[in-house]
PDB file of N, CA and C in Angstrom:
ATOM      1  N   MET A   1     206.653 256.140 178.573  1.00  0.00           N
ATOM      2  CA  MET A   1     206.911 256.064 177.152  1.00  0.00           C
ATOM      3  C   MET A   1     208.362 255.659 176.897  1.00  0.00           C
ATOM      4  N   ALA A   2     209.308 256.221 177.615  1.00  0.00           N
ATOM      5  CA  ALA A   2     210.710 255.859 177.427  1.00  0.00           C
ATOM      6  C   ALA A   2     210.942 254.400 177.745  1.00  0.00           C
ATOM      7  N   LEU A   3     210.211 253.868 178.716  1.00  0.00           N
ATOM      8  CA  LEU A   3     210.340 252.464 179.082  1.00  0.00           C
ATOM      9  C   LEU A   3     209.930 251.564 177.924  1.00  0.00           C
ATOM     10  N   ALA A   4     208.898 251.931 177.196  1.00  0.00           N
ATOM     11  CA  ALA A   4     208.439 251.133 176.058  1.00  0.00           C
ATOM     12  C   ALA A   4     209.460 251.136 174.928  1.00  0.00           C
ATOM     13  N   LEU A   5     210.266 252.177 174.821  1.00  0.00           N
ATOM     14  CA  LEU A   5     211.250 252.257 173.755  1.00  0.00           C
ATOM     15  C   LEU A   5     212.568 251.576 174.109  1.00  0.00           C
ATOM     16  N   ALA A   6     212.783 251.262 175.360  1.00  0.00           N
ATOM     17  CA  ALA A   6     214.053 250.678 175.798  1.00  0.00           C
ATOM     18  C   ALA A   6     214.405 249.386 175.076  1.00  0.00           C
ATOM     19  N   PRO A   7     213.490 248.414 174.915  1.00  0.00           N
ATOM     20  CA  PRO A   7     213.879 247.189 174.203  1.00  0.00           C
ATOM     21  C   PRO A   7     214.304 247.451 172.765  1.00  0.00           C
ATOM     22  N   GLN A   8     213.655 248.378 172.086  1.00  0.00           N
ATOM     23  CA  GLN A   8     214.032 248.704 170.717  1.00  0.00           C
ATOM     24  C   GLN A   8     215.440 249.290 170.680  1.00  0.00           C
ATOM     25  N   ALA A   9     215.751 250.150 171.626  1.00  0.00           N
ATOM     26  CA  ALA A   9     217.080 250.753 171.660  1.00  0.00           C
ATOM     27  C   ALA A   9     218.144 249.687 171.872  1.00  0.00           C
ATOM     28  N   ALA A  10     217.863 248.702 172.726  1.00  0.00           N
ATOM     29  CA  ALA A  10     218.820 247.627 172.966  1.00  0.00           C
ATOM     30  C   ALA A  10     219.019 246.798 171.699  1.00  0.00           C
ATOM     31  N   GLN A  11     217.945 246.515 171.000  1.00  0.00           N
ATOM     32  CA  GLN A  11     218.066 245.749 169.771  1.00  0.00           C
ATOM     33  C   GLN A  11     218.849 246.522 168.713  1.00  0.00           C
ATOM     34  N   ALA A  12     218.595 247.806 168.597  1.00  0.00           N
ATOM     35  CA  ALA A  12     219.273 248.610 167.583  1.00  0.00           C
ATOM     36  C   ALA A  12     220.779 248.590 167.801  1.00  0.00           C
ATOM     37  N   ARG A  13     221.206 248.521 169.043  1.00  0.00           N
ATOM     38  CA  ARG A  13     222.630 248.483 169.343  1.00  0.00           C
ATOM     39  C   ARG A  13     223.283 247.226 168.795  1.00  0.00           C
ATOM     40  N   SER A  14     222.610 246.100 168.843  1.00  0.00           N
ATOM     41  CA  SER A  14     223.233 244.850 168.415  1.00  0.00           C
ATOM     42  C   SER A  14     223.596 244.866 166.940  1.00  0.00           C
ATOM     43  N   ALA A  15     222.661 245.196 166.084  1.00  0.00           N
ATOM     44  CA  ALA A  15     222.967 245.240 164.651  1.00  0.00           C
ATOM     45  C   ALA A  15     224.016 246.316 164.381  1.00  0.00           C
ATOM     46  N   ASP A  16     223.904 247.424 165.058  1.00  0.00           N
ATOM     47  CA  ASP A  16     224.866 248.514 164.872  1.00  0.00           C
ATOM     48  C   ASP A  16     226.267 248.085 165.310  1.00  0.00           C
ATOM     49  N   ASP A  17     226.347 247.308 166.400  1.00  0.00           N
ATOM     50  CA  ASP A  17     227.641 246.821 166.890  1.00  0.00           C
ATOM     51  C   ASP A  17     228.310 245.854 165.908  1.00  0.00           C
ATOM     52  N   LEU A  18     227.538 245.280 165.007  1.00  0.00           N
ATOM     53  CA  LEU A  18     228.060 244.281 164.065  1.00  0.00           C
ATOM     54  C   LEU A  18     228.293 244.853 162.668  1.00  0.00           C
ATOM     55  N   ARG A  19     228.110 246.138 162.505  1.00  0.00           N
ATOM     56  CA  ARG A  19     228.203 246.738 161.163  1.00  0.00           C
ATOM     57  C   ARG A  19     229.571 246.550 160.512  1.00  0.00           C
ATOM     58  N   ASP A  20     230.614 246.339 161.334  1.00  0.00           N
ATOM     59  CA  ASP A  20     231.947 246.126 160.759  1.00  0.00           C
ATOM     60  C   ASP A  20     232.034 244.819 159.965  1.00  0.00           C
ATOM     61  N   LEU A  21     231.071 243.923 160.131  1.00  0.00           N
ATOM     62  CA  LEU A  21     231.088 242.644 159.410  1.00  0.00           C
ATOM     63  C   LEU A  21     230.432 242.736 158.025  1.00  0.00           C
ATOM     64  N   VAL A  22     229.683 243.801 157.773  1.00  0.00           N
ATOM     65  CA  VAL A  22     229.040 243.959 156.458  1.00  0.00           C
ATOM     66  C   VAL A  22     230.136 244.114 155.406  1.00  0.00           C
ATOM     67  N   GLY A  23     230.054 243.291 154.376  1.00  0.00           N
ATOM     68  CA  GLY A  23     231.053 243.269 153.313  1.00  0.00           C
ATOM     69  C   GLY A  23     232.097 242.177 153.492  1.00  0.00           C
ATOM     70  N   ALA A  24     232.140 241.582 154.690  1.00  0.00           N
ATOM     71  CA  ALA A  24     233.119 240.527 154.964  1.00  0.00           C
ATOM     72  C   ALA A  24     232.694 239.220 154.310  1.00  0.00           C
ATOM     73  N   ARG A  25     233.674 238.368 154.030  1.00  0.00           N
ATOM     74  CA  ARG A  25     233.380 237.036 153.507  1.00  0.00           C
ATOM     75  C   ARG A  25     232.603 236.269 154.567  1.00  0.00           C
ATOM     76  N   ALA A  26     231.579 235.547 154.153  1.00  0.00           N
ATOM     77  CA  ALA A  26     230.661 234.884 155.087  1.00  0.00           C
ATOM     78  C   ALA A  26     231.368 233.914 156.029  1.00  0.00           C
ATOM     79  N   ALA A  27     232.274 233.091 155.518  1.00  0.00           N
ATOM     80  CA  ALA A  27     232.918 232.080 156.363  1.00  0.00           C
ATOM     81  C   ALA A  27     233.691 232.733 157.515  1.00  0.00           C
ATOM     82  N   GLY A  28     234.450 233.753 157.224  1.00  0.00           N
ATOM     83  CA  GLY A  28     235.209 234.435 158.265  1.00  0.00           C
ATOM     84  C   GLY A  28     234.311 235.208 159.217  1.00  0.00           C
ATOM     85  N   ALA A  29     233.252 235.809 158.674  1.00  0.00           N
ATOM     86  CA  ALA A  29     232.332 236.593 159.497  1.00  0.00           C
ATOM     87  C   ALA A  29     231.548 235.692 160.453  1.00  0.00           C
ATOM     88  N   GLU A  30     231.224 234.469 160.029  1.00  0.00           N
ATOM     89  CA  GLU A  30     230.532 233.533 160.924  1.00  0.00           C
ATOM     90  C   GLU A  30     231.398 233.220 162.136  1.00  0.00           C
ATOM     91  N   SER A  31     232.666 232.982 161.904  1.00  0.00           N
ATOM     92  CA  SER A  31     233.590 232.724 163.013  1.00  0.00           C
ATOM     93  C   SER A  31     233.674 233.932 163.935  1.00  0.00           C
ATOM     94  N   ASP A  32     233.678 235.121 163.346  1.00  0.00           N
ATOM     95  CA  ASP A  32     233.735 236.344 164.144  1.00  0.00           C
ATOM     96  C   ASP A  32     232.472 236.499 164.987  1.00  0.00           C
ATOM     97  N   LEU A  33     231.309 236.235 164.394  1.00  0.00           N
ATOM     98  CA  LEU A  33     230.062 236.297 165.162  1.00  0.00           C
ATOM     99  C   LEU A  33     230.113 235.350 166.353  1.00  0.00           C
ATOM    100  N   GLN A  34     230.567 234.125 166.114  1.00  0.00           N
ATOM    101  CA  GLN A  34     230.648 233.137 167.192  1.00  0.00           C
ATOM    102  C   GLN A  34     231.612 233.596 168.279  1.00  0.00           C
ATOM    103  N   SER A  35     232.730 234.177 167.907  1.00  0.00           N
ATOM    104  CA  SER A  35     233.697 234.634 168.910  1.00  0.00           C
ATOM    105  C   SER A  35     233.143 235.793 169.736  1.00  0.00           C
ATOM    106  N   ARG A  36     232.150 236.487 169.204  1.00  0.00           N
ATOM    107  CA  ARG A  36     231.502 237.587 169.932  1.00  0.00           C
ATOM    108  C   ARG A  36     230.314 237.108 170.760  1.00  0.00           C
ATOM    109  N   GLY A  37     230.080 235.802 170.767  1.00  0.00           N
ATOM    110  CA  GLY A  37     229.010 235.257 171.603  1.00  0.00           C
ATOM    111  C   GLY A  37     227.698 234.984 170.895  1.00  0.00           C
ATOM    112  N   TRP A  38     227.652 235.110 169.591  1.00  0.00           N
ATOM    113  CA  TRP A  38     226.426 234.864 168.823  1.00  0.00           C
ATOM    114  C   TRP A  38     226.352 233.397 168.428  1.00  0.00           C
ATOM    115  N   VAL A  39     225.138 232.845 168.460  1.00  0.00           N
ATOM    116  CA  VAL A  39     224.900 231.439 168.135  1.00  0.00           C
ATOM    117  C   VAL A  39     223.893 231.369 166.988  1.00  0.00           C
ATOM    118  N   PHE A  40     224.238 230.600 165.961  1.00  0.00           N
ATOM    119  CA  PHE A  40     223.346 230.404 164.812  1.00  0.00           C
ATOM    120  C   PHE A  40     222.101 229.649 165.265  1.00  0.00           C
ATOM    121  N   THR A  41     220.910 230.157 164.892  1.00  0.00           N
ATOM    122  CA  THR A  41     219.668 229.485 165.292  1.00  0.00           C
ATOM    123  C   THR A  41     218.819 229.017 164.125  1.00  0.00           C
ATOM    124  N   GLY A  42     219.141 229.422 162.909  1.00  0.00           N
ATOM    125  CA  GLY A  42     218.355 228.984 161.761  1.00  0.00           C
ATOM    126  C   GLY A  42     218.510 229.952 160.609  1.00  0.00           C
ATOM    127  N   GLY A  43     217.811 229.648 159.539  1.00  0.00           N
ATOM    128  CA  GLY A  43     217.875 230.525 158.389  1.00  0.00           C
ATOM    129  C   GLY A  43     217.157 229.931 157.204  1.00  0.00           C
ATOM    130  N   TYR A  44     217.198 230.657 156.121  1.00  0.00           N
ATOM    131  CA  TYR A  44     216.580 230.203 154.884  1.00  0.00           C
ATOM    132  C   TYR A  44     217.272 230.870 153.708  1.00  0.00           C
ATOM    133  N   LYS A  45     217.101 230.283 152.537  1.00  0.00           N
ATOM    134  CA  LYS A  45     217.700 230.836 151.330  1.00  0.00           C
ATOM    135  C   LYS A  45     216.588 231.351 150.431  1.00  0.00           C
ATOM    136  N   GLY A  46     216.698 232.603 150.044  1.00  0.00           N
ATOM    137  CA  GLY A  46     215.761 233.208 149.114  1.00  0.00           C
ATOM    138  C   GLY A  46     216.326 233.141 147.705  1.00  0.00           C
ATOM    139  N   ALA A  47     215.666 233.813 146.791  1.00  0.00           N
ATOM    140  CA  ALA A  47     216.094 233.796 145.393  1.00  0.00           C
ATOM    141  C   ALA A  47     217.456 234.458 145.195  1.00  0.00           C
ATOM    142  N   ASN A  48     217.709 235.537 145.928  1.00  0.00           N
ATOM    143  CA  ASN A  48     218.937 236.304 145.712  1.00  0.00           C
ATOM    144  C   ASN A  48     219.861 236.361 146.915  1.00  0.00           C
ATOM    145  N   ALA A  49     219.440 235.792 148.033  1.00  0.00           N
ATOM    146  CA  ALA A  49     220.245 235.922 149.251  1.00  0.00           C
ATOM    147  C   ALA A  49     219.902 234.819 150.239  1.00  0.00           C
ATOM    148  N   ALA A  50     220.829 234.583 151.152  1.00  0.00           N
ATOM    149  CA  ALA A  50     220.576 233.686 152.288  1.00  0.00           C
ATOM    150  C   ALA A  50     220.367 234.572 153.513  1.00  0.00           C
ATOM    151  N   HIS A  51     219.460 234.153 154.373  1.00  0.00           N
ATOM    152  CA  HIS A  51     219.149 234.904 155.584  1.00  0.00           C
ATOM    153  C   HIS A  51     219.350 233.971 156.773  1.00  0.00           C
ATOM    154  N   THR A  52     220.210 234.363 157.697  1.00  0.00           N
ATOM    155  CA  THR A  52     220.459 233.548 158.883  1.00  0.00           C
ATOM    156  C   THR A  52     220.166 234.369 160.131  1.00  0.00           C
ATOM    157  N   PHE A  53     219.764 233.663 161.184  1.00  0.00           N
ATOM    158  CA  PHE A  53     219.424 234.309 162.437  1.00  0.00           C
ATOM    159  C   PHE A  53     220.420 233.887 163.505  1.00  0.00           C
ATOM    160  N   TRP A  54     220.832 234.860 164.306  1.00  0.00           N
ATOM    161  CA  TRP A  54     221.850 234.658 165.327  1.00  0.00           C
ATOM    162  C   TRP A  54     221.357 235.204 166.657  1.00  0.00           C
ATOM    163  N   TRP A  55     221.531 234.425 167.735  1.00  0.00           N
ATOM    164  CA  TRP A  55     221.070 234.779 169.076  1.00  0.00           C
ATOM    165  C   TRP A  55     222.266 235.017 169.993  1.00  0.00           C
ATOM    166  N   HIS A  56     222.174 236.066 170.790  1.00  0.00           N
ATOM    167  CA  HIS A  56     223.187 236.366 171.808  1.00  0.00           C
ATOM    168  C   HIS A  56     222.507 236.211 173.160  1.00  0.00           C
ATOM    169  N   SER A  57     222.862 235.176 173.910  1.00  0.00           N
ATOM    170  CA  SER A  57     222.130 234.848 175.133  1.00  0.00           C
ATOM    171  C   SER A  57     222.282 235.896 176.234  1.00  0.00           C
ATOM    172  N   SER A  58     223.462 236.474 176.400  1.00  0.00           N
ATOM    173  CA  SER A  58     223.602 237.451 177.480  1.00  0.00           C
ATOM    174  C   SER A  58     222.908 238.769 177.141  1.00  0.00           C
ATOM    175  N   ARG A  59     222.835 239.102 175.869  1.00  0.00           N
ATOM    176  CA  ARG A  59     222.105 240.310 175.450  1.00  0.00           C
ATOM    177  C   ARG A  59     220.616 240.028 175.283  1.00  0.00           C
ATOM    178  N   LYS A  60     220.277 238.749 175.171  1.00  0.00           N
ATOM    179  CA  LYS A  60     218.904 238.333 174.881  1.00  0.00           C
ATOM    180  C   LYS A  60     218.413 239.058 173.624  1.00  0.00           C
ATOM    181  N   ASP A  61     219.218 238.936 172.577  1.00  0.00           N
ATOM    182  CA  ASP A  61     218.947 239.672 171.352  1.00  0.00           C
ATOM    183  C   ASP A  61     219.194 238.797 170.133  1.00  0.00           C
ATOM    184  N   CYS A  62     218.505 239.134 169.053  1.00  0.00           N
ATOM    185  CA  CYS A  62     218.561 238.380 167.803  1.00  0.00           C
ATOM    186  C   CYS A  62     218.851 239.334 166.655  1.00  0.00           C
ATOM    187  N   VAL A  63     219.694 238.888 165.730  1.00  0.00           N
ATOM    188  CA  VAL A  63     219.942 239.642 164.501  1.00  0.00           C
ATOM    189  C   VAL A  63     219.764 238.722 163.302  1.00  0.00           C
ATOM    190  N   MET A  64     219.446 239.339 162.164  1.00  0.00           N
ATOM    191  CA  MET A  64     219.356 238.607 160.905  1.00  0.00           C
ATOM    192  C   MET A  64     220.499 239.071 160.017  1.00  0.00           C
ATOM    193  N   VAL A  65     221.239 238.108 159.483  1.00  0.00           N
ATOM    194  CA  VAL A  65     222.336 238.404 158.560  1.00  0.00           C
ATOM    195  C   VAL A  65     221.879 238.030 157.155  1.00  0.00           C
ATOM    196  N   THR A  66     222.019 238.951 156.235  1.00  0.00           N
ATOM    197  CA  THR A  66     221.708 238.703 154.825  1.00  0.00           C
ATOM    198  C   THR A  66     223.029 238.522 154.088  1.00  0.00           C
ATOM    199  N   THR A  67     223.174 237.379 153.411  1.00  0.00           N
ATOM    200  CA  THR A  67     224.394 237.061 152.684  1.00  0.00           C
ATOM    201  C   THR A  67     224.090 236.976 151.191  1.00  0.00           C
ATOM    202  N   ARG A  68     224.889 237.689 150.412  1.00  0.00           N
ATOM    203  CA  ARG A  68     224.779 237.645 148.949  1.00  0.00           C
ATOM    204  C   ARG A  68     226.171 237.425 148.376  1.00  0.00           C
ATOM    205  N   GLU A  69     226.258 236.526 147.422  1.00  0.00           N
ATOM    206  CA  GLU A  69     227.513 236.243 146.719  1.00  0.00           C
ATOM    207  C   GLU A  69     228.671 235.989 147.688  1.00  0.00           C
ATOM    208  N   GLY A  70     228.373 235.256 148.768  1.00  0.00           N
ATOM    209  CA  GLY A  70     229.411 234.848 149.703  1.00  0.00           C
ATOM    210  C   GLY A  70     229.876 235.908 150.686  1.00  0.00           C
ATOM    211  N   ARG A  71     229.188 237.052 150.717  1.00  0.00           N
ATOM    212  CA  ARG A  71     229.578 238.133 151.632  1.00  0.00           C
ATOM    213  C   ARG A  71     228.360 238.614 152.418  1.00  0.00           C
ATOM    214  N   TYR A  72     228.626 239.093 153.634  1.00  0.00           N
ATOM    215  CA  TYR A  72     227.560 239.677 154.437  1.00  0.00           C
ATOM    216  C   TYR A  72     227.120 240.989 153.785  1.00  0.00           C
ATOM    217  N   ALA A  73     225.887 241.037 153.329  1.00  0.00           N
ATOM    218  CA  ALA A  73     225.350 242.222 152.660  1.00  0.00           C
ATOM    219  C   ALA A  73     224.672 243.166 153.655  1.00  0.00           C
ATOM    220  N   ALA A  74     224.082 242.604 154.715  1.00  0.00           N
ATOM    221  CA  ALA A  74     223.376 243.431 155.704  1.00  0.00           C
ATOM    222  C   ALA A  74     223.228 242.655 157.004  1.00  0.00           C
ATOM    223  N   ILE A  75     223.173 243.394 158.096  1.00  0.00           N
ATOM    224  CA  ILE A  75     222.873 242.821 159.406  1.00  0.00           C
ATOM    225  C   ILE A  75     221.800 243.713 160.019  1.00  0.00           C
ATOM    226  N   SER A  76     220.678 243.106 160.357  1.00  0.00           N
ATOM    227  CA  SER A  76     219.568 243.891 160.904  1.00  0.00           C
ATOM    228  C   SER A  76     219.046 243.251 162.178  1.00  0.00           C
ATOM    229  N   ASP A  77     218.378 244.054 162.969  1.00  0.00           N
ATOM    230  CA  ASP A  77     217.789 243.556 164.200  1.00  0.00           C
ATOM    231  C   ASP A  77     216.599 242.663 163.875  1.00  0.00           C
ATOM    232  N   ALA A  78     216.396 241.667 164.702  1.00  0.00           N
ATOM    233  CA  ALA A  78     215.277 240.737 164.542  1.00  0.00           C
ATOM    234  C   ALA A  78     214.650 240.522 165.913  1.00  0.00           C
ATOM    235  N   THR A  79     213.500 239.895 165.923  1.00  0.00           N
ATOM    236  CA  THR A  79     212.820 239.643 167.193  1.00  0.00           C
ATOM    237  C   THR A  79     213.359 238.358 167.830  1.00  0.00           C
ATOM    238  N   PRO A  80     213.248 238.227 169.133  1.00  0.00           N
ATOM    239  CA  PRO A  80     213.679 236.975 169.777  1.00  0.00           C
ATOM    240  C   PRO A  80     212.984 235.742 169.172  1.00  0.00           C
ATOM    241  N   SER A  81     211.739 235.891 168.766  1.00  0.00           N
ATOM    242  CA  SER A  81     211.045 234.735 168.178  1.00  0.00           C
ATOM    243  C   SER A  81     211.666 234.326 166.839  1.00  0.00           C
ATOM    244  N   ASP A  82     212.298 235.259 166.122  1.00  0.00           N
ATOM    245  CA  ASP A  82     213.007 234.908 164.881  1.00  0.00           C
ATOM    246  C   ASP A  82     214.160 233.949 165.177  1.00  0.00           C
ATOM    247  N   CYS A  83     214.699 234.037 166.400  1.00  0.00           N
ATOM    248  CA  CYS A  83     215.798 233.165 166.834  1.00  0.00           C
ATOM    249  C   CYS A  83     215.288 232.006 167.691  1.00  0.00           C
ATOM    250  N   ASN A  84     214.014 231.684 167.547  1.00  0.00           N
ATOM    251  CA  ASN A  84     213.394 230.570 168.274  1.00  0.00           C
ATOM    252  C   ASN A  84     213.405 230.764 169.783  1.00  0.00           C
ATOM    253  N   GLN A  85     213.368 232.022 170.217  1.00  0.00           N
ATOM    254  CA  GLN A  85     213.303 232.338 171.638  1.00  0.00           C
ATOM    255  C   GLN A  85     211.873 232.750 171.947  1.00  0.00           C
ATOM    256  N   HIS A  86     211.299 232.132 172.961  1.00  0.00           N
ATOM    257  CA  HIS A  86     209.912 232.405 173.303  1.00  0.00           C
ATOM    258  C   HIS A  86     209.837 233.042 174.675  1.00  0.00           C
ATOM    259  N   LYS A  87     209.087 234.096 174.760  1.00  0.00           N
ATOM    260  CA  LYS A  87     208.942 234.822 176.014  1.00  0.00           C
ATOM    261  C   LYS A  87     208.413 233.889 177.088  1.00  0.00           C
ATOM    262  N   GLY A  88     209.020 233.975 178.255  1.00  0.00           N
ATOM    263  CA  GLY A  88     208.550 233.184 179.381  1.00  0.00           C
ATOM    264  C   GLY A  88     209.167 231.805 179.463  1.00  0.00           C
ATOM    265  N   SER A  89     210.025 231.437 178.502  1.00  0.00           N
ATOM    266  CA  SER A  89     210.624 230.099 178.552  1.00  0.00           C
ATOM    267  C   SER A  89     211.628 229.998 179.691  1.00  0.00           C
ATOM    268  N   GLY A  90     212.304 231.109 179.999  1.00  0.00           N
ATOM    269  CA  GLY A  90     213.223 231.133 181.118  1.00  0.00           C
ATOM    270  C   GLY A  90     214.538 230.413 180.881  1.00  0.00           C
ATOM    271  N   ASN A  91     214.673 229.690 179.788  1.00  0.00           N
ATOM    272  CA  ASN A  91     215.918 228.966 179.570  1.00  0.00           C
ATOM    273  C   ASN A  91     216.341 229.076 178.116  1.00  0.00           C
ATOM    274  N   GLU A  92     216.781 230.263 177.738  1.00  0.00           N
ATOM    275  CA  GLU A  92     217.169 230.509 176.355  1.00  0.00           C
ATOM    276  C   GLU A  92     218.343 229.644 175.911  1.00  0.00           C
ATOM    277  N   ALA A  93     219.276 229.412 176.813  1.00  0.00           N
ATOM    278  CA  ALA A  93     220.446 228.607 176.443  1.00  0.00           C
ATOM    279  C   ALA A  93     220.029 227.191 176.062  1.00  0.00           C
ATOM    280  N   ALA A  94     219.097 226.625 176.785  1.00  0.00           N
ATOM    281  CA  ALA A  94     218.620 225.280 176.459  1.00  0.00           C
ATOM    282  C   ALA A  94     217.909 225.277 175.116  1.00  0.00           C
ATOM    283  N   ALA A  95     217.146 226.318 174.834  1.00  0.00           N
ATOM    284  CA  ALA A  95     216.443 226.398 173.556  1.00  0.00           C
ATOM    285  C   ALA A  95     217.434 226.479 172.404  1.00  0.00           C
ATOM    286  N   VAL A  96     218.461 227.296 172.553  1.00  0.00           N
ATOM    287  CA  VAL A  96     219.476 227.421 171.504  1.00  0.00           C
ATOM    288  C   VAL A  96     220.216 226.105 171.333  1.00  0.00           C
ATOM    289  N   SER A  97     220.547 225.436 172.429  1.00  0.00           N
ATOM    290  CA  SER A  97     221.230 224.149 172.344  1.00  0.00           C
ATOM    291  C   SER A  97     220.368 223.116 171.640  1.00  0.00           C
ATOM    292  N   ALA A  98     219.080 223.124 171.930  1.00  0.00           N
ATOM    293  CA  ALA A  98     218.172 222.169 171.289  1.00  0.00           C
ATOM    294  C   ALA A  98     218.110 222.416 169.787  1.00  0.00           C
ATOM    295  N   VAL A  99     218.038 223.674 169.385  1.00  0.00           N
ATOM    296  CA  VAL A  99     218.007 224.002 167.961  1.00  0.00           C
ATOM    297  C   VAL A  99     219.300 223.545 167.297  1.00  0.00           C
ATOM    298  N   ALA A 100     220.428 223.804 167.939  1.00  0.00           N
ATOM    299  CA  ALA A 100     221.716 223.399 167.379  1.00  0.00           C
ATOM    300  C   ALA A 100     221.806 221.886 167.263  1.00  0.00           C
ATOM    301  N   ALA A 101     221.318 221.173 168.270  1.00  0.00           N
ATOM    302  CA  ALA A 101     221.360 219.705 168.242  1.00  0.00           C
ATOM    303  C   ALA A 101     220.490 219.151 167.124  1.00  0.00           C
ATOM    304  N   ILE A 102     219.321 219.731 166.936  1.00  0.00           N
ATOM    305  CA  ILE A 102     218.429 219.278 165.866  1.00  0.00           C
ATOM    306  C   ILE A 102     219.058 219.566 164.509  1.00  0.00           C
ATOM    307  N   ALA A 103     219.610 220.755 164.355  1.00  0.00           N
ATOM    308  CA  ALA A 103     220.215 221.129 163.071  1.00  0.00           C
ATOM    309  C   ALA A 103     221.412 220.254 162.741  1.00  0.00           C
ATOM    310  N   ALA A 104     222.121 219.784 163.760  1.00  0.00           N
ATOM    311  CA  ALA A 104     223.306 218.965 163.534  1.00  0.00           C
ATOM    312  C   ALA A 104     222.988 217.471 163.464  1.00  0.00           C
ATOM    313  N   SER A 105     221.731 217.104 163.684  1.00  0.00           N
ATOM    314  CA  SER A 105     221.379 215.686 163.695  1.00  0.00           C
ATOM    315  C   SER A 105     221.546 215.077 162.307  1.00  0.00           C
ATOM    316  N   PRO A 106     221.757 213.749 162.237  1.00  0.00           N
ATOM    317  CA  PRO A 106     221.938 213.092 160.943  1.00  0.00           C
ATOM    318  C   PRO A 106     220.779 213.318 159.983  1.00  0.00           C
ATOM    319  N   ALA A 107     219.573 213.446 160.498  1.00  0.00           N
ATOM    320  CA  ALA A 107     218.419 213.669 159.630  1.00  0.00           C
ATOM    321  C   ALA A 107     218.514 215.004 158.905  1.00  0.00           C
ATOM    322  N   ASN A 108     219.237 215.939 159.476  1.00  0.00           N
ATOM    323  CA  ASN A 108     219.348 217.261 158.866  1.00  0.00           C
ATOM    324  C   ASN A 108     220.660 217.473 158.122  1.00  0.00           C
ATOM    325  N   THR A 109     221.519 216.483 158.069  1.00  0.00           N
ATOM    326  CA  THR A 109     222.793 216.676 157.383  1.00  0.00           C
ATOM    327  C   THR A 109     222.665 216.532 155.883  1.00  0.00           C
ATOM    328  N   SER A 110     221.645 215.860 155.416  1.00  0.00           N
ATOM    329  CA  SER A 110     221.429 215.820 153.969  1.00  0.00           C
ATOM    330  C   SER A 110     220.442 216.929 153.655  1.00  0.00           C
ATOM    331  N   HIS A 111     220.909 217.907 152.934  1.00  0.00           N
ATOM    332  CA  HIS A 111     220.088 219.057 152.646  1.00  0.00           C
ATOM    333  C   HIS A 111     220.179 219.382 151.167  1.00  0.00           C
ATOM    334  N   LYS A 112     219.290 220.242 150.729  1.00  0.00           N
ATOM    335  CA  LYS A 112     219.235 220.583 149.316  1.00  0.00           C
ATOM    336  C   LYS A 112     220.553 221.180 148.848  1.00  0.00           C
ATOM    337  N   SER A 113     220.897 220.892 147.622  1.00  0.00           N
ATOM    338  CA  SER A 113     222.101 221.459 147.028  1.00  0.00           C
ATOM    339  C   SER A 113     222.005 222.978 147.047  1.00  0.00           C
ATOM    340  N   GLY A 114     223.100 223.621 147.396  1.00  0.00           N
ATOM    341  CA  GLY A 114     223.102 225.070 147.444  1.00  0.00           C
ATOM    342  C   GLY A 114     222.845 225.620 148.824  1.00  0.00           C
ATOM    343  N   HIS A 115     222.363 224.772 149.735  1.00  0.00           N
ATOM    344  CA  HIS A 115     222.150 225.229 151.113  1.00  0.00           C
ATOM    345  C   HIS A 115     223.430 224.993 151.888  1.00  0.00           C
ATOM    346  N   HIS A 116     223.752 225.891 152.757  1.00  0.00           N
ATOM    347  CA  HIS A 116     224.989 225.818 153.544  1.00  0.00           C
ATOM    348  C   HIS A 116     224.651 225.429 154.966  1.00  0.00           C
ATOM    349  N   ASN A 117     225.345 224.450 155.490  1.00  0.00           N
ATOM    350  CA  ASN A 117     225.159 224.085 156.883  1.00  0.00           C
ATOM    351  C   ASN A 117     226.036 225.016 157.710  1.00  0.00           C
ATOM    352  N   TYR A 118     225.422 225.981 158.399  1.00  0.00           N
ATOM    353  CA  TYR A 118     226.147 227.013 159.095  1.00  0.00           C
ATOM    354  C   TYR A 118     226.647 226.576 160.473  1.00  0.00           C
ATOM    355  N   ILE A 119     226.241 225.417 160.927  1.00  0.00           N
ATOM    356  CA  ILE A 119     226.662 224.964 162.247  1.00  0.00           C
ATOM    357  C   ILE A 119     228.073 224.425 162.143  1.00  0.00           C
ATOM    358  N   GLN A 120     228.947 224.915 162.990  1.00  0.00           N
ATOM    359  CA  GLN A 120     230.332 224.463 162.985  1.00  0.00           C
ATOM    360  C   GLN A 120     230.639 223.802 164.306  1.00  0.00           C
ATOM    361  N   ASP A 121     231.438 222.760 164.250  1.00  0.00           N
ATOM    362  CA  ASP A 121     231.820 222.068 165.475  1.00  0.00           C
ATOM    363  C   ASP A 121     232.989 222.743 166.128  1.00  0.00           C
TER     364      ASP A 121
END
């Protein structure tokens, strides 16, 4: 039974480790996430908030960041599949790189007004 709970405990640590970023301005917090080893993998904008997903390859963990009014409102644990990680792929770094390359491609640089391109060079 304890073995079945181990992955959940590992995931809970990631969001908890990032709690100091809640309330921070989004632009600065994104840089901080990247400096801690997190890579942006995707996201969407809802009616009242933007939701972005971040993958940490060495932790093999995913978190969702909720941004409202330009500030990080919440950081919660997410599943690896939320970060485009598929069990058994064996090469998470390649998957993250592929997502980043697609997101940065010219076809994806024209986006709807109000959407933020979170990928930074």
